[in-house]
Amino acid sequence: MTAEDGTPDHPANGLDEVVHQRVRLGILTIAHEARRAEFGYLRTQLDLTAGNLSKHLSVLEAAGLIEVEKGYAGKRGRTWVTLTATGGTALAEEIARLKLLIARVETTDTPAEPTDTPEDR
């Protein structure tokens, strides 16, 4: 991957802030695995309050990454989350960037020397 000027682009530069946030990445991953995830399951798995989960779902829905469906299971109201095609693509791209970052770390035997030391400042 390269920047617009043709120089190599660091993989961290392509991380999507909407997707990369811990809870939202968890929601997308669970929705990908389950195909259709129920609100209560997401809340339990990610150890969230209902309000916190609702806010994250709103962000993902506004970005077009998930669809939220409300309905009933028996007499109880339920909310289900489904990953959209756009969400699947965004998740795959995020995972690819993370794999590039992991590969960079794994191929580095020793930490690089700092390029900016206090004496340089």
PDB file of N, CA and C in Angstrom:
ATOM      1  N   MET A   1       0.843  -1.168   0.000  1.00  0.00           N
ATOM      2  CA  MET A   1       0.000   0.000   0.000  1.00  0.00           C
ATOM      3  C   MET A   1       0.893   1.237   0.000  1.00  0.00           C
ATOM      4  N   THR A   2       0.510   2.190  -0.808  1.00  0.00           N
ATOM      5  CA  THR A   2       1.322   3.397  -0.915  1.00  0.00           C
ATOM      6  C   THR A   2       0.452   4.633  -0.737  1.00  0.00           C
ATOM      7  N   ALA A   3       1.120   5.694  -0.300  1.00  0.00           N
ATOM      8  CA  ALA A   3       0.443   6.983  -0.153  1.00  0.00           C
ATOM      9  C   ALA A   3       0.297   7.611  -1.530  1.00  0.00           C
ATOM     10  N   GLU A   4      -0.418   8.727  -1.593  1.00  0.00           N
ATOM     11  CA  GLU A   4      -0.643   9.407  -2.872  1.00  0.00           C
ATOM     12  C   GLU A   4       0.659   9.825  -3.552  1.00  0.00           C
ATOM     13  N   ASP A   5       1.686  10.132  -2.761  1.00  0.00           N
ATOM     14  CA  ASP A   5       2.963  10.555  -3.349  1.00  0.00           C
ATOM     15  C   ASP A   5       3.857   9.382  -3.740  1.00  0.00           C
ATOM     16  N   GLY A   6       3.361   8.142  -3.584  1.00  0.00           N
ATOM     17  CA  GLY A   6       4.110   6.960  -3.991  1.00  0.00           C
ATOM     18  C   GLY A   6       4.988   6.366  -2.903  1.00  0.00           C
ATOM     19  N   THR A   7       5.072   7.016  -1.746  1.00  0.00           N
ATOM     20  CA  THR A   7       5.865   6.468  -0.657  1.00  0.00           C
ATOM     21  C   THR A   7       5.070   5.380   0.057  1.00  0.00           C
ATOM     22  N   PRO A   8       5.776   4.428   0.667  1.00  0.00           N
ATOM     23  CA  PRO A   8       5.052   3.376   1.392  1.00  0.00           C
ATOM     24  C   PRO A   8       4.180   3.973   2.501  1.00  0.00           C
ATOM     25  N   ASP A   9       2.991   3.449   2.624  1.00  0.00           N
ATOM     26  CA  ASP A   9       2.032   3.913   3.624  1.00  0.00           C
ATOM     27  C   ASP A   9       2.064   2.944   4.805  1.00  0.00           C
ATOM     28  N   HIS A  10       2.170   3.461   6.005  1.00  0.00           N
ATOM     29  CA  HIS A  10       2.163   2.604   7.180  1.00  0.00           C
ATOM     30  C   HIS A  10       0.763   2.015   7.334  1.00  0.00           C
ATOM     31  N   PRO A  11       0.650   0.703   7.637  1.00  0.00           N
ATOM     32  CA  PRO A  11      -0.669   0.071   7.750  1.00  0.00           C
ATOM     33  C   PRO A  11      -1.592   0.738   8.768  1.00  0.00           C
ATOM     34  N   ALA A  12      -1.038   1.345   9.796  1.00  0.00           N
ATOM     35  CA  ALA A  12      -1.880   1.995  10.812  1.00  0.00           C
ATOM     36  C   ALA A  12      -2.634   3.185  10.238  1.00  0.00           C
ATOM     37  N   ASN A  13      -2.105   3.780   9.161  1.00  0.00           N
ATOM     38  CA  ASN A  13      -2.767   4.934   8.560  1.00  0.00           C
ATOM     39  C   ASN A  13      -4.104   4.579   7.921  1.00  0.00           C
ATOM     40  N   GLY A  14      -4.309   3.324   7.587  1.00  0.00           N
ATOM     41  CA  GLY A  14      -5.548   2.931   6.942  1.00  0.00           C
ATOM     42  C   GLY A  14      -6.600   2.378   7.878  1.00  0.00           C
ATOM     43  N   LEU A  15      -6.310   2.338   9.182  1.00  0.00           N
ATOM     44  CA  LEU A  15      -7.314   1.833  10.116  1.00  0.00           C
ATOM     45  C   LEU A  15      -8.513   2.772  10.133  1.00  0.00           C
ATOM     46  N   ASP A  16      -9.688   2.193  10.093  1.00  0.00           N
ATOM     47  CA  ASP A  16     -10.941   2.952  10.059  1.00  0.00           C
ATOM     48  C   ASP A  16     -11.390   3.224  11.498  1.00  0.00           C
ATOM     49  N   GLU A  17     -11.479   4.479  11.879  1.00  0.00           N
ATOM     50  CA  GLU A  17     -11.829   4.841  13.252  1.00  0.00           C
ATOM     51  C   GLU A  17     -13.213   4.330  13.658  1.00  0.00           C
ATOM     52  N   VAL A  18     -14.134   4.257  12.709  1.00  0.00           N
ATOM     53  CA  VAL A  18     -15.471   3.747  13.038  1.00  0.00           C
ATOM     54  C   VAL A  18     -15.393   2.259  13.348  1.00  0.00           C
ATOM     55  N   VAL A  19     -14.655   1.516  12.551  1.00  0.00           N
ATOM     56  CA  VAL A  19     -14.557   0.065  12.699  1.00  0.00           C
ATOM     57  C   VAL A  19     -13.600  -0.309  13.821  1.00  0.00           C
ATOM     58  N   HIS A  20     -12.486   0.392  13.944  1.00  0.00           N
ATOM     59  CA  HIS A  20     -11.398  -0.032  14.812  1.00  0.00           C
ATOM     60  C   HIS A  20     -11.708   0.085  16.300  1.00  0.00           C
ATOM     61  N   GLN A  21     -12.624   0.937  16.681  1.00  0.00           N
ATOM     62  CA  GLN A  21     -12.957   1.094  18.091  1.00  0.00           C
ATOM     63  C   GLN A  21     -13.318  -0.286  18.660  1.00  0.00           C
ATOM     64  N   ARG A  22     -12.820  -0.630  19.839  1.00  0.00           N
ATOM     65  CA  ARG A  22     -12.921  -1.974  20.411  1.00  0.00           C
ATOM     66  C   ARG A  22     -14.339  -2.551  20.372  1.00  0.00           C
ATOM     67  N   VAL A  23     -15.308  -1.827  20.875  1.00  0.00           N
ATOM     68  CA  VAL A  23     -16.675  -2.342  20.938  1.00  0.00           C
ATOM     69  C   VAL A  23     -17.242  -2.533  19.536  1.00  0.00           C
ATOM     70  N   ARG A  24     -17.040  -1.562  18.663  1.00  0.00           N
ATOM     71  CA  ARG A  24     -17.595  -1.669  17.313  1.00  0.00           C
ATOM     72  C   ARG A  24     -16.944  -2.797  16.523  1.00  0.00           C
ATOM     73  N   LEU A  25     -15.646  -2.997  16.711  1.00  0.00           N
ATOM     74  CA  LEU A  25     -14.973  -4.127  16.068  1.00  0.00           C
ATOM     75  C   LEU A  25     -15.562  -5.437  16.585  1.00  0.00           C
ATOM     76  N   GLY A  26     -15.847  -5.484  17.877  1.00  0.00           N
ATOM     77  CA  GLY A  26     -16.486  -6.670  18.457  1.00  0.00           C
ATOM     78  C   GLY A  26     -17.871  -6.915  17.888  1.00  0.00           C
ATOM     79  N   ILE A  27     -18.660  -5.864  17.762  1.00  0.00           N
ATOM     80  CA  ILE A  27     -20.009  -5.995  17.195  1.00  0.00           C
ATOM     81  C   ILE A  27     -19.939  -6.529  15.768  1.00  0.00           C
ATOM     82  N   LEU A  28     -19.070  -5.938  14.960  1.00  0.00           N
ATOM     83  CA  LEU A  28     -18.946  -6.369  13.560  1.00  0.00           C
ATOM     84  C   LEU A  28     -18.479  -7.813  13.467  1.00  0.00           C
ATOM     85  N   THR A  29     -17.541  -8.190  14.319  1.00  0.00           N
ATOM     86  CA  THR A  29     -17.026  -9.556  14.299  1.00  0.00           C
ATOM     87  C   THR A  29     -18.101 -10.561  14.692  1.00  0.00           C
ATOM     88  N   ILE A  30     -18.837 -10.250  15.757  1.00  0.00           N
ATOM     89  CA  ILE A  30     -19.918 -11.153  16.183  1.00  0.00           C
ATOM     90  C   ILE A  30     -20.996 -11.232  15.119  1.00  0.00           C
ATOM     91  N   ALA A  31     -21.363 -10.104  14.523  1.00  0.00           N
ATOM     92  CA  ALA A  31     -22.378 -10.108  13.467  1.00  0.00           C
ATOM     93  C   ALA A  31     -21.904 -10.917  12.266  1.00  0.00           C
ATOM     94  N   HIS A  32     -20.627 -10.852  11.972  1.00  0.00           N
ATOM     95  CA  HIS A  32     -20.066 -11.642  10.871  1.00  0.00           C
ATOM     96  C   HIS A  32     -20.147 -13.137  11.186  1.00  0.00           C
ATOM     97  N   GLU A  33     -19.781 -13.502  12.394  1.00  0.00           N
ATOM     98  CA  GLU A  33     -19.790 -14.913  12.808  1.00  0.00           C
ATOM     99  C   GLU A  33     -21.210 -15.474  12.877  1.00  0.00           C
ATOM    100  N   ALA A  34     -22.116 -14.695  13.451  1.00  0.00           N
ATOM    101  CA  ALA A  34     -23.468 -15.185  13.721  1.00  0.00           C
ATOM    102  C   ALA A  34     -24.440 -14.969  12.571  1.00  0.00           C
ATOM    103  N   ARG A  35     -24.101 -14.107  11.638  1.00  0.00           N
ATOM    104  CA  ARG A  35     -24.981 -13.693  10.538  1.00  0.00           C
ATOM    105  C   ARG A  35     -26.121 -12.808  11.017  1.00  0.00           C
ATOM    106  N   ARG A  36     -26.626 -13.073  12.223  1.00  0.00           N
ATOM    107  CA  ARG A  36     -27.697 -12.261  12.817  1.00  0.00           C
ATOM    108  C   ARG A  36     -27.546 -12.375  14.328  1.00  0.00           C
ATOM    109  N   ALA A  37     -27.227 -11.271  14.977  1.00  0.00           N
ATOM    110  CA  ALA A  37     -26.964 -11.296  16.413  1.00  0.00           C
ATOM    111  C   ALA A  37     -28.046 -10.533  17.162  1.00  0.00           C
ATOM    112  N   GLU A  38     -28.484 -11.089  18.271  1.00  0.00           N
ATOM    113  CA  GLU A  38     -29.510 -10.470  19.089  1.00  0.00           C
ATOM    114  C   GLU A  38     -28.862  -9.484  20.063  1.00  0.00           C
ATOM    115  N   PHE A  39     -29.533  -8.394  20.326  1.00  0.00           N
ATOM    116  CA  PHE A  39     -29.030  -7.309  21.174  1.00  0.00           C
ATOM    117  C   PHE A  39     -28.506  -7.834  22.519  1.00  0.00           C
ATOM    118  N   GLY A  40     -29.284  -8.652  23.187  1.00  0.00           N
ATOM    119  CA  GLY A  40     -28.891  -9.176  24.498  1.00  0.00           C
ATOM    120  C   GLY A  40     -27.621 -10.007  24.428  1.00  0.00           C
ATOM    121  N   TYR A  41     -27.475 -10.766  23.361  1.00  0.00           N
ATOM    122  CA  TYR A  41     -26.263 -11.567  23.177  1.00  0.00           C
ATOM    123  C   TYR A  41     -25.052 -10.654  23.013  1.00  0.00           C
ATOM    124  N   LEU A  42     -25.184  -9.627  22.184  1.00  0.00           N
ATOM    125  CA  LEU A  42     -24.092  -8.667  22.000  1.00  0.00           C
ATOM    126  C   LEU A  42     -23.736  -7.992  23.322  1.00  0.00           C
ATOM    127  N   ARG A  43     -24.757  -7.582  24.057  1.00  0.00           N
ATOM    128  CA  ARG A  43     -24.537  -6.899  25.336  1.00  0.00           C
ATOM    129  C   ARG A  43     -23.768  -7.793  26.299  1.00  0.00           C
ATOM    130  N   THR A  44     -24.150  -9.054  26.376  1.00  0.00           N
ATOM    131  CA  THR A  44     -23.488  -9.998  27.274  1.00  0.00           C
ATOM    132  C   THR A  44     -22.067 -10.297  26.814  1.00  0.00           C
ATOM    133  N   GLN A  45     -21.904 -10.597  25.544  1.00  0.00           N
ATOM    134  CA  GLN A  45     -20.594 -10.974  25.027  1.00  0.00           C
ATOM    135  C   GLN A  45     -19.571  -9.852  25.149  1.00  0.00           C
ATOM    136  N   LEU A  46     -20.017  -8.613  24.964  1.00  0.00           N
ATOM    137  CA  LEU A  46     -19.102  -7.474  24.983  1.00  0.00           C
ATOM    138  C   LEU A  46     -19.089  -6.751  26.329  1.00  0.00           C
ATOM    139  N   ASP A  47     -19.875  -7.267  27.292  1.00  0.00           N
ATOM    140  CA  ASP A  47     -19.924  -6.727  28.650  1.00  0.00           C
ATOM    141  C   ASP A  47     -20.231  -5.229  28.648  1.00  0.00           C
ATOM    142  N   LEU A  48     -21.388  -4.888  28.060  1.00  0.00           N
ATOM    143  CA  LEU A  48     -21.792  -3.494  27.905  1.00  0.00           C
ATOM    144  C   LEU A  48     -23.135  -3.240  28.574  1.00  0.00           C
ATOM    145  N   THR A  49     -23.392  -1.984  28.852  1.00  0.00           N
ATOM    146  CA  THR A  49     -24.737  -1.599  29.268  1.00  0.00           C
ATOM    147  C   THR A  49     -25.590  -1.485  28.003  1.00  0.00           C
ATOM    148  N   ALA A  50     -26.876  -1.539  28.168  1.00  0.00           N
ATOM    149  CA  ALA A  50     -27.776  -1.421  27.013  1.00  0.00           C
ATOM    150  C   ALA A  50     -27.594  -0.072  26.325  1.00  0.00           C
ATOM    151  N   GLY A  51     -27.434   0.986  27.107  1.00  0.00           N
ATOM    152  CA  GLY A  51     -27.268   2.323  26.528  1.00  0.00           C
ATOM    153  C   GLY A  51     -25.978   2.451  25.737  1.00  0.00           C
ATOM    154  N   ASN A  52     -24.898   1.902  26.263  1.00  0.00           N
ATOM    155  CA  ASN A  52     -23.613   1.970  25.577  1.00  0.00           C
ATOM    156  C   ASN A  52     -23.681   1.194  24.261  1.00  0.00           C
ATOM    157  N   LEU A  53     -24.245  -0.007  24.311  1.00  0.00           N
ATOM    158  CA  LEU A  53     -24.378  -0.801  23.092  1.00  0.00           C
ATOM    159  C   LEU A  53     -25.241  -0.068  22.075  1.00  0.00           C
ATOM    160  N   SER A  54     -26.325   0.527  22.508  1.00  0.00           N
ATOM    161  CA  SER A  54     -27.216   1.261  21.593  1.00  0.00           C
ATOM    162  C   SER A  54     -26.473   2.370  20.867  1.00  0.00           C
ATOM    163  N   LYS A  55     -25.625   3.105  21.585  1.00  0.00           N
ATOM    164  CA  LYS A  55     -24.863   4.192  20.959  1.00  0.00           C
ATOM    165  C   LYS A  55     -23.922   3.655  19.884  1.00  0.00           C
ATOM    166  N   HIS A  56     -23.233   2.559  20.179  1.00  0.00           N
ATOM    167  CA  HIS A  56     -22.320   1.976  19.192  1.00  0.00           C
ATOM    168  C   HIS A  56     -23.077   1.439  17.977  1.00  0.00           C
ATOM    169  N   LEU A  57     -24.229   0.832  18.222  1.00  0.00           N
ATOM    170  CA  LEU A  57     -25.044   0.339  17.108  1.00  0.00           C
ATOM    171  C   LEU A  57     -25.495   1.500  16.233  1.00  0.00           C
ATOM    172  N   SER A  58     -25.834   2.621  16.838  1.00  0.00           N
ATOM    173  CA  SER A  58     -26.260   3.799  16.067  1.00  0.00           C
ATOM    174  C   SER A  58     -25.145   4.292  15.156  1.00  0.00           C
ATOM    175  N   VAL A  59     -23.916   4.313  15.658  1.00  0.00           N
ATOM    176  CA  VAL A  59     -22.766   4.750  14.853  1.00  0.00           C
ATOM    177  C   VAL A  59     -22.573   3.807  13.668  1.00  0.00           C
ATOM    178  N   LEU A  60     -22.613   2.509  13.931  1.00  0.00           N
ATOM    179  CA  LEU A  60     -22.413   1.523  12.860  1.00  0.00           C
ATOM    180  C   LEU A  60     -23.557   1.556  11.846  1.00  0.00           C
ATOM    181  N   GLU A  61     -24.772   1.738  12.328  1.00  0.00           N
ATOM    182  CA  GLU A  61     -25.921   1.802  11.429  1.00  0.00           C
ATOM    183  C   GLU A  61     -25.846   3.055  10.556  1.00  0.00           C
ATOM    184  N   ALA A  62     -25.487   4.190  11.146  1.00  0.00           N
ATOM    185  CA  ALA A  62     -25.361   5.436  10.385  1.00  0.00           C
ATOM    186  C   ALA A  62     -24.280   5.323   9.311  1.00  0.00           C
ATOM    187  N   ALA A  63     -23.253   4.544   9.578  1.00  0.00           N
ATOM    188  CA  ALA A  63     -22.168   4.343   8.613  1.00  0.00           C
ATOM    189  C   ALA A  63     -22.535   3.296   7.563  1.00  0.00           C
ATOM    190  N   GLY A  64     -23.695   2.661   7.707  1.00  0.00           N
ATOM    191  CA  GLY A  64     -24.134   1.654   6.742  1.00  0.00           C
ATOM    192  C   GLY A  64     -23.454   0.309   6.902  1.00  0.00           C
ATOM    193  N   LEU A  65     -22.867   0.061   8.076  1.00  0.00           N
ATOM    194  CA  LEU A  65     -22.121  -1.179   8.287  1.00  0.00           C
ATOM    195  C   LEU A  65     -22.983  -2.306   8.850  1.00  0.00           C
ATOM    196  N   ILE A  66     -24.093  -1.950   9.485  1.00  0.00           N
ATOM    197  CA  ILE A  66     -25.025  -2.939  10.019  1.00  0.00           C
ATOM    198  C   ILE A  66     -26.450  -2.502   9.709  1.00  0.00           C
ATOM    199  N   GLU A  67     -27.354  -3.465   9.803  1.00  0.00           N
ATOM    200  CA  GLU A  67     -28.791  -3.184   9.766  1.00  0.00           C
ATOM    201  C   GLU A  67     -29.357  -3.613  11.105  1.00  0.00           C
ATOM    202  N   VAL A  68     -30.239  -2.812  11.653  1.00  0.00           N
ATOM    203  CA  VAL A  68     -30.875  -3.112  12.930  1.00  0.00           C
ATOM    204  C   VAL A  68     -32.342  -3.410  12.649  1.00  0.00           C
ATOM    205  N   GLU A  69     -32.788  -4.560  13.136  1.00  0.00           N
ATOM    206  CA  GLU A  69     -34.170  -4.999  12.928  1.00  0.00           C
ATOM    207  C   GLU A  69     -34.832  -5.179  14.283  1.00  0.00           C
ATOM    208  N   LYS A  70     -35.978  -4.564  14.452  1.00  0.00           N
ATOM    209  CA  LYS A  70     -36.727  -4.699  15.698  1.00  0.00           C
ATOM    210  C   LYS A  70     -37.956  -5.545  15.436  1.00  0.00           C
ATOM    211  N   GLY A  71     -38.253  -6.404  16.389  1.00  0.00           N
ATOM    212  CA  GLY A  71     -39.409  -7.272  16.242  1.00  0.00           C
ATOM    213  C   GLY A  71     -39.737  -7.932  17.564  1.00  0.00           C
ATOM    214  N   TYR A  72     -40.411  -9.061  17.481  1.00  0.00           N
ATOM    215  CA  TYR A  72     -40.822  -9.777  18.681  1.00  0.00           C
ATOM    216  C   TYR A  72     -40.446 -11.233  18.576  1.00  0.00           C
ATOM    217  N   ALA A  73     -40.074 -11.797  19.720  1.00  0.00           N
ATOM    218  CA  ALA A  73     -39.908 -13.238  19.874  1.00  0.00           C
ATOM    219  C   ALA A  73     -40.923 -13.598  20.953  1.00  0.00           C
ATOM    220  N   GLY A  74     -42.047 -14.151  20.538  1.00  0.00           N
ATOM    221  CA  GLY A  74     -43.151 -14.322  21.474  1.00  0.00           C
ATOM    222  C   GLY A  74     -43.715 -12.946  21.782  1.00  0.00           C
ATOM    223  N   LYS A  75     -43.839 -12.634  23.063  1.00  0.00           N
ATOM    224  CA  LYS A  75     -44.366 -11.329  23.462  1.00  0.00           C
ATOM    225  C   LYS A  75     -43.264 -10.342  23.814  1.00  0.00           C
ATOM    226  N   ARG A  76     -42.027 -10.777  23.724  1.00  0.00           N
ATOM    227  CA  ARG A  76     -40.906  -9.914  24.115  1.00  0.00           C
ATOM    228  C   ARG A  76     -40.324  -9.190  22.912  1.00  0.00           C
ATOM    229  N   GLY A  77     -40.115  -7.896  23.072  1.00  0.00           N
ATOM    230  CA  GLY A  77     -39.472  -7.120  22.030  1.00  0.00           C
ATOM    231  C   GLY A  77     -38.015  -7.535  21.883  1.00  0.00           C
ATOM    232  N   ARG A  78     -37.551  -7.632  20.655  1.00  0.00           N
ATOM    233  CA  ARG A  78     -36.167  -8.038  20.375  1.00  0.00           C
ATOM    234  C   ARG A  78     -35.559  -7.105  19.333  1.00  0.00           C
ATOM    235  N   THR A  79     -34.243  -7.003  19.384  1.00  0.00           N
ATOM    236  CA  THR A  79     -33.493  -6.246  18.392  1.00  0.00           C
ATOM    237  C   THR A  79     -32.406  -7.156  17.853  1.00  0.00           C
ATOM    238  N   TRP A  80     -32.336  -7.255  16.528  1.00  0.00           N
ATOM    239  CA  TRP A  80     -31.322  -8.076  15.888  1.00  0.00           C
ATOM    240  C   TRP A  80     -30.422  -7.198  15.028  1.00  0.00           C
ATOM    241  N   VAL A  81     -29.182  -7.603  14.933  1.00  0.00           N
ATOM    242  CA  VAL A  81     -28.180  -6.874  14.165  1.00  0.00           C
ATOM    243  C   VAL A  81     -27.639  -7.779  13.073  1.00  0.00           C
ATOM    244  N   THR A  82     -27.580  -7.244  11.853  1.00  0.00           N
ATOM    245  CA  THR A  82     -27.055  -7.979  10.705  1.00  0.00           C
ATOM    246  C   THR A  82     -25.974  -7.141  10.039  1.00  0.00           C
ATOM    247  N   LEU A  83     -24.898  -7.776   9.661  1.00  0.00           N
ATOM    248  CA  LEU A  83     -23.808  -7.115   8.958  1.00  0.00           C
ATOM    249  C   LEU A  83     -24.228  -6.863   7.508  1.00  0.00           C
ATOM    250  N   THR A  84     -24.020  -5.655   7.013  1.00  0.00           N
ATOM    251  CA  THR A  84     -24.310  -5.352   5.607  1.00  0.00           C
ATOM    252  C   THR A  84     -23.112  -5.749   4.752  1.00  0.00           C
ATOM    253  N   ALA A  85     -23.274  -5.723   3.444  1.00  0.00           N
ATOM    254  CA  ALA A  85     -22.153  -6.004   2.537  1.00  0.00           C
ATOM    255  C   ALA A  85     -21.043  -4.979   2.755  1.00  0.00           C
ATOM    256  N   THR A  86     -21.425  -3.716   2.937  1.00  0.00           N
ATOM    257  CA  THR A  86     -20.447  -2.662   3.216  1.00  0.00           C
ATOM    258  C   THR A  86     -19.718  -2.946   4.522  1.00  0.00           C
ATOM    259  N   GLY A  87     -20.458  -3.407   5.525  1.00  0.00           N
ATOM    260  CA  GLY A  87     -19.858  -3.754   6.807  1.00  0.00           C
ATOM    261  C   GLY A  87     -18.892  -4.913   6.686  1.00  0.00           C
ATOM    262  N   GLY A  88     -19.249  -5.904   5.875  1.00  0.00           N
ATOM    263  CA  GLY A  88     -18.358  -7.043   5.654  1.00  0.00           C
ATOM    264  C   GLY A  88     -17.068  -6.615   4.990  1.00  0.00           C
ATOM    265  N   THR A  89     -17.174  -5.719   4.028  1.00  0.00           N
ATOM    266  CA  THR A  89     -15.982  -5.195   3.341  1.00  0.00           C
ATOM    267  C   THR A  89     -15.123  -4.391   4.302  1.00  0.00           C
ATOM    268  N   ALA A  90     -15.751  -3.527   5.096  1.00  0.00           N
ATOM    269  CA  ALA A  90     -15.009  -2.702   6.061  1.00  0.00           C
ATOM    270  C   ALA A  90     -14.299  -3.579   7.088  1.00  0.00           C
ATOM    271  N   LEU A  91     -14.972  -4.622   7.552  1.00  0.00           N
ATOM    272  CA  LEU A  91     -14.360  -5.539   8.513  1.00  0.00           C
ATOM    273  C   LEU A  91     -13.174  -6.259   7.883  1.00  0.00           C
ATOM    274  N   ALA A  92     -13.338  -6.748   6.663  1.00  0.00           N
ATOM    275  CA  ALA A  92     -12.248  -7.444   5.970  1.00  0.00           C
ATOM    276  C   ALA A  92     -11.045  -6.524   5.760  1.00  0.00           C
ATOM    277  N   GLU A  93     -11.300  -5.275   5.389  1.00  0.00           N
ATOM    278  CA  GLU A  93     -10.209  -4.317   5.194  1.00  0.00           C
ATOM    279  C   GLU A  93      -9.493  -4.017   6.505  1.00  0.00           C
ATOM    280  N   GLU A  94     -10.249  -3.907   7.581  1.00  0.00           N
ATOM    281  CA  GLU A  94      -9.648  -3.645   8.893  1.00  0.00           C
ATOM    282  C   GLU A  94      -8.773  -4.827   9.321  1.00  0.00           C
ATOM    283  N   ILE A  95      -9.277  -6.025   9.136  1.00  0.00           N
ATOM    284  CA  ILE A  95      -8.518  -7.228   9.496  1.00  0.00           C
ATOM    285  C   ILE A  95      -7.243  -7.310   8.653  1.00  0.00           C
ATOM    286  N   ALA A  96      -7.335  -6.975   7.371  1.00  0.00           N
ATOM    287  CA  ALA A  96      -6.146  -6.995   6.505  1.00  0.00           C
ATOM    288  C   ALA A  96      -5.091  -6.010   7.007  1.00  0.00           C
ATOM    289  N   ARG A  97      -5.518  -4.809   7.403  1.00  0.00           N
ATOM    290  CA  ARG A  97      -4.581  -3.818   7.941  1.00  0.00           C
ATOM    291  C   ARG A  97      -3.949  -4.317   9.239  1.00  0.00           C
ATOM    292  N   LEU A  98      -4.757  -4.920  10.095  1.00  0.00           N
ATOM    293  CA  LEU A  98      -4.228  -5.448  11.353  1.00  0.00           C
ATOM    294  C   LEU A  98      -3.217  -6.563  11.096  1.00  0.00           C
ATOM    295  N   LYS A  99      -3.485  -7.402  10.101  1.00  0.00           N
ATOM    296  CA  LYS A  99      -2.537  -8.467   9.750  1.00  0.00           C
ATOM    297  C   LYS A  99      -1.210  -7.881   9.262  1.00  0.00           C
ATOM    298  N   LEU A 100      -1.279  -6.792   8.498  1.00  0.00           N
ATOM    299  CA  LEU A 100      -0.051  -6.125   8.054  1.00  0.00           C
ATOM    300  C   LEU A 100       0.744  -5.591   9.246  1.00  0.00           C
ATOM    301  N   LEU A 101       0.038  -5.028  10.211  1.00  0.00           N
ATOM    302  CA  LEU A 101       0.712  -4.535  11.412  1.00  0.00           C
ATOM    303  C   LEU A 101       1.356  -5.679  12.195  1.00  0.00           C
ATOM    304  N   ILE A 102       0.634  -6.765  12.333  1.00  0.00           N
ATOM    305  CA  ILE A 102       1.174  -7.933  13.042  1.00  0.00           C
ATOM    306  C   ILE A 102       2.406  -8.467  12.332  1.00  0.00           C
ATOM    307  N   ALA A 103       2.344  -8.545  11.009  1.00  0.00           N
ATOM    308  CA  ALA A 103       3.486  -9.039  10.235  1.00  0.00           C
ATOM    309  C   ALA A 103       4.711  -8.153  10.443  1.00  0.00           C
ATOM    310  N   ARG A 104       4.513  -6.861  10.514  1.00  0.00           N
ATOM    311  CA  ARG A 104       5.639  -5.942  10.743  1.00  0.00           C
ATOM    312  C   ARG A 104       6.284  -6.200  12.098  1.00  0.00           C
ATOM    313  N   VAL A 105       5.467  -6.446  13.107  1.00  0.00           N
ATOM    314  CA  VAL A 105       5.993  -6.704  14.444  1.00  0.00           C
ATOM    315  C   VAL A 105       6.697  -8.057  14.488  1.00  0.00           C
ATOM    316  N   GLU A 106       6.092  -9.065  13.879  1.00  0.00           N
ATOM    317  CA  GLU A 106       6.663 -10.414  13.921  1.00  0.00           C
ATOM    318  C   GLU A 106       7.976 -10.531  13.160  1.00  0.00           C
ATOM    319  N   THR A 107       8.169  -9.694  12.154  1.00  0.00           N
ATOM    320  CA  THR A 107       9.409  -9.780  11.377  1.00  0.00           C
ATOM    321  C   THR A 107      10.514  -8.902  11.949  1.00  0.00           C
ATOM    322  N   THR A 108      10.217  -8.190  13.002  1.00  0.00           N
ATOM    323  CA  THR A 108      11.218  -7.358  13.660  1.00  0.00           C
ATOM    324  C   THR A 108      11.762  -8.133  14.851  1.00  0.00           C
ATOM    325  N   ASP A 109      13.052  -8.571  14.754  1.00  0.00           N
ATOM    326  CA  ASP A 109      13.650  -9.344  15.832  1.00  0.00           C
ATOM    327  C   ASP A 109      13.860  -8.510  17.086  1.00  0.00           C
ATOM    328  N   THR A 110      14.378  -7.324  16.918  1.00  0.00           N
ATOM    329  CA  THR A 110      14.622  -6.454  18.062  1.00  0.00           C
ATOM    330  C   THR A 110      13.997  -5.102  17.787  1.00  0.00           C
ATOM    331  N   PRO A 111      13.605  -4.422  18.830  1.00  0.00           N
ATOM    332  CA  PRO A 111      13.026  -3.091  18.611  1.00  0.00           C
ATOM    333  C   PRO A 111      14.041  -2.171  17.942  1.00  0.00           C
ATOM    334  N   ALA A 112      13.547  -1.358  17.055  1.00  0.00           N
ATOM    335  CA  ALA A 112      14.411  -0.399  16.368  1.00  0.00           C
ATOM    336  C   ALA A 112      14.888   0.659  17.346  1.00  0.00           C
ATOM    337  N   GLU A 113      16.038   1.211  17.033  1.00  0.00           N
ATOM    338  CA  GLU A 113      16.549   2.316  17.840  1.00  0.00           C
ATOM    339  C   GLU A 113      15.641   3.523  17.628  1.00  0.00           C
ATOM    340  N   PRO A 114      15.378   4.286  18.688  1.00  0.00           N
ATOM    341  CA  PRO A 114      14.552   5.477  18.513  1.00  0.00           C
ATOM    342  C   PRO A 114      15.222   6.449  17.543  1.00  0.00           C
ATOM    343  N   THR A 115      14.412   7.068  16.712  1.00  0.00           N
ATOM    344  CA  THR A 115      14.958   8.025  15.743  1.00  0.00           C
ATOM    345  C   THR A 115      15.008   9.422  16.307  1.00  0.00           C
ATOM    346  N   ASP A 116      14.309   9.662  17.400  1.00  0.00           N
ATOM    347  CA  ASP A 116      14.284  10.983  18.012  1.00  0.00           C
ATOM    348  C   ASP A 116      14.580  10.830  19.491  1.00  0.00           C
ATOM    349  N   THR A 117      15.767  11.156  19.900  1.00  0.00           N
ATOM    350  CA  THR A 117      16.146  11.052  21.296  1.00  0.00           C
ATOM    351  C   THR A 117      16.008  12.413  21.965  1.00  0.00           C
ATOM    352  N   PRO A 118      15.965  12.429  23.289  1.00  0.00           N
ATOM    353  CA  PRO A 118      15.847  13.719  23.985  1.00  0.00           C
ATOM    354  C   PRO A 118      16.966  14.686  23.606  1.00  0.00           C
ATOM    355  N   GLU A 119      18.152  14.168  23.292  1.00  0.00           N
ATOM    356  CA  GLU A 119      19.259  15.041  22.902  1.00  0.00           C
ATOM    357  C   GLU A 119      19.004  15.712  21.570  1.00  0.00           C
ATOM    358  N   ASP A 120      18.188  15.078  20.717  1.00  0.00           N
ATOM    359  CA  ASP A 120      17.879  15.636  19.397  1.00  0.00           C
ATOM    360  C   ASP A 120      16.886  16.784  19.483  1.00  0.00           C
ATOM    361  N   ARG A 121      16.211  16.909  20.585  1.00  0.00           N
ATOM    362  CA  ARG A 121      15.146  17.921  20.712  1.00  0.00           C
ATOM    363  C   ARG A 121      15.686  19.239  21.104  1.00  0.00           C
TER     364      ARG A 121
END
